[in-house]
Amino acid sequence: MWTVQGTLALVDTLDRLSAAFIGAHPEGVSAIHIIARNAPLPDAEVRAKLQEVARRHGKSVACVCHVVEGSGFWAGAHQAFLSGLHWLTRGSFRLHICSDISAAARWLPAPHGRGTNVVVGIAELEEILRSVRRLAD
């Protein structure tokens, strides 16, 4: 859940947690990132660090879904940034960008299952995502 502008410290935390999670799941992992309405885009230094992290862990990732809450120019800028990040890192994983949790919960199970052979239920995933989102409020 990204509710503030990304910082180097936050990306370092993401990197450490990703490495630990990937180590615990050799079959592969997937991620859903919820970007709260009006969270600022990361600056150039943070974008470079995110690229580095995506390149390092990308081979172990089945898919990534970004939920960009909101609409208009702000949401479009985030969608363009996230698409560009995936393209620049030559991500081999599937990428999806949507605007709500329900869409993320419906999309992720199929590519995650194909990439990891792990079944994820849509209803269960949606409830988990809604719980995470409520924690950020």
Protein backbone atom coordinates (compact mmCIF):
# COMPACT_ATOMS: atom_id res chain seq x y z
CA MET A 1 0.00 0.00 0.00
CA TRP A 2 1.58 3.25 -1.15
CA THR A 3 -0.07 6.20 0.59
CA VAL A 4 2.89 8.59 0.45
CA GLN A 5 5.58 9.46 -2.06
CA GLY A 6 8.07 6.63 -2.46
CA THR A 7 11.42 7.19 -0.78
CA LEU A 8 14.73 5.35 -0.94
CA ALA A 9 14.08 3.98 2.56
CA LEU A 10 10.69 2.60 1.48
CA VAL A 11 12.18 1.01 -1.63
CA ASP A 12 14.96 -0.54 0.50
CA THR A 13 12.25 -2.03 2.71
CA LEU A 14 10.40 -3.32 -0.35
CA ASP A 15 13.66 -4.86 -1.60
CA ARG A 16 14.38 -6.65 1.70
CA LEU A 17 10.84 -7.93 2.11
CA SER A 18 10.70 -9.07 -1.52
CA ALA A 19 13.94 -11.03 -1.14
CA ALA A 20 12.66 -12.74 2.01
CA PHE A 21 9.28 -13.53 0.45
CA ILE A 22 10.87 -14.89 -2.74
CA GLY A 23 13.25 -17.01 -0.65
CA ALA A 24 10.28 -18.53 1.18
CA HIS A 25 8.39 -19.21 -2.09
CA PRO A 26 10.70 -20.78 -4.69
CA GLU A 27 7.66 -21.54 -6.86
CA GLY A 28 7.38 -17.80 -7.53
CA VAL A 29 5.43 -14.86 -6.19
CA SER A 30 3.01 -12.20 -7.37
CA ALA A 31 2.29 -8.76 -5.97
CA ILE A 32 -0.51 -6.26 -5.79
CA HIS A 33 0.45 -2.67 -5.03
CA ILE A 34 -2.31 -0.29 -4.05
CA ILE A 35 -1.40 3.32 -4.77
CA ALA A 36 -3.64 5.66 -2.81
CA ARG A 37 -5.34 8.57 -4.51
CA ASN A 38 -3.03 11.60 -4.75
CA ALA A 39 0.17 9.82 -3.62
CA PRO A 40 2.96 11.73 -5.41
CA LEU A 41 5.07 10.13 -8.12
CA PRO A 42 8.54 9.06 -6.96
CA ASP A 43 11.48 11.30 -7.81
CA ALA A 44 14.24 10.27 -10.24
CA GLU A 45 16.49 8.68 -7.60
CA VAL A 46 13.64 6.54 -6.26
CA ARG A 47 12.55 5.56 -9.79
CA ALA A 48 16.10 4.35 -10.51
CA LYS A 49 16.10 2.29 -7.30
CA LEU A 50 12.70 0.78 -8.18
CA GLN A 51 14.11 -0.25 -11.57
CA GLU A 52 17.05 -1.91 -9.84
CA VAL A 53 14.75 -3.82 -7.46
CA ALA A 54 12.44 -4.89 -10.31
CA ARG A 55 15.39 -6.19 -12.33
CA ARG A 56 16.82 -8.10 -9.36
CA HIS A 57 13.59 -9.86 -8.40
CA GLY A 58 11.71 -9.97 -11.71
CA LYS A 59 12.67 -13.53 -12.64
CA SER A 60 10.88 -14.83 -9.53
CA VAL A 61 7.68 -12.87 -10.13
CA ALA A 62 4.69 -14.37 -11.95
CA CYS A 63 2.68 -11.15 -12.13
CA VAL A 64 2.22 -7.70 -10.66
CA CYS A 65 -0.99 -5.72 -10.42
CA HIS A 66 -1.04 -2.04 -9.54
CA VAL A 67 -4.27 -0.60 -8.23
CA VAL A 68 -4.09 3.12 -8.97
CA GLU A 69 -6.94 4.69 -7.04
CA GLY A 70 -8.47 7.76 -8.61
CA SER A 71 -8.79 9.09 -12.12
CA GLY A 72 -7.76 11.94 -14.36
CA PHE A 73 -4.28 13.31 -14.98
CA TRP A 74 -2.86 12.08 -11.66
CA ALA A 75 -3.92 8.47 -12.31
CA GLY A 76 -2.76 8.66 -15.93
CA ALA A 77 0.68 9.86 -14.83
CA HIS A 78 1.01 6.93 -12.41
CA GLN A 79 -0.15 4.44 -15.03
CA ALA A 80 2.40 5.79 -17.52
CA PHE A 81 5.17 5.65 -14.89
CA LEU A 82 4.32 2.04 -13.93
CA SER A 83 4.10 0.89 -17.55
CA GLY A 84 7.42 2.56 -18.29
CA LEU A 85 9.05 0.95 -15.26
CA HIS A 86 7.93 -2.48 -16.47
CA TRP A 87 9.17 -1.77 -19.99
CA LEU A 88 12.54 -0.37 -18.82
CA THR A 89 13.25 -3.39 -16.61
CA ARG A 90 12.28 -5.78 -19.39
CA GLY A 91 9.98 -7.46 -16.90
CA SER A 92 9.14 -11.00 -17.93
CA PHE A 93 6.21 -11.08 -15.53
CA ARG A 94 2.66 -10.16 -16.45
CA LEU A 95 1.63 -6.60 -15.57
CA HIS A 96 -1.86 -5.23 -15.03
CA ILE A 97 -2.92 -1.75 -13.93
CA CYS A 98 -6.46 -1.14 -12.73
CA SER A 99 -8.37 1.34 -10.59
CA ASP A 100 -10.05 -0.82 -7.96
CA ILE A 101 -9.49 -3.78 -5.68
CA SER A 102 -12.24 -5.91 -7.22
CA ALA A 103 -10.59 -5.72 -10.65
CA ALA A 104 -7.23 -6.70 -9.14
CA ALA A 105 -8.75 -9.67 -7.31
CA ARG A 106 -10.41 -10.88 -10.53
CA TRP A 107 -7.25 -10.47 -12.65
CA LEU A 108 -4.43 -11.86 -10.49
CA PRO A 109 -5.46 -15.52 -9.87
CA ALA A 110 -5.11 -16.67 -13.49
CA PRO A 111 -1.59 -15.36 -14.29
CA HIS A 112 -0.43 -16.16 -10.75
CA GLY A 113 -1.64 -19.75 -11.12
CA ARG A 114 0.01 -20.14 -14.53
CA GLY A 115 3.31 -18.78 -13.22
CA THR A 116 3.44 -20.56 -9.86
CA ASN A 117 0.96 -23.47 -9.95
CA VAL A 118 -0.57 -21.98 -6.80
CA VAL A 119 -4.33 -21.44 -6.71
CA VAL A 120 -5.63 -18.16 -5.29
CA GLY A 121 -9.34 -17.62 -4.70
CA ILE A 122 -10.88 -14.40 -6.00
CA ALA A 123 -13.19 -13.81 -3.02
CA GLU A 124 -10.47 -14.55 -0.46
CA LEU A 125 -7.99 -12.30 -2.25
CA GLU A 126 -10.49 -9.46 -2.48
CA GLU A 127 -11.23 -9.66 1.25
CA ILE A 128 -7.51 -9.59 2.08
CA LEU A 129 -6.98 -6.57 -0.17
CA ARG A 130 -9.93 -4.75 1.38
CA SER A 131 -8.51 -5.46 4.85
CA VAL A 132 -5.13 -4.05 3.85
CA ARG A 133 -6.80 -1.00 2.35
CA ARG A 134 -8.81 -0.36 5.53
CA LEU A 135 -5.58 -0.41 7.58
CA ALA A 136 -4.27 2.52 5.54
CA ASP A 137 -7.34 4.67 6.15
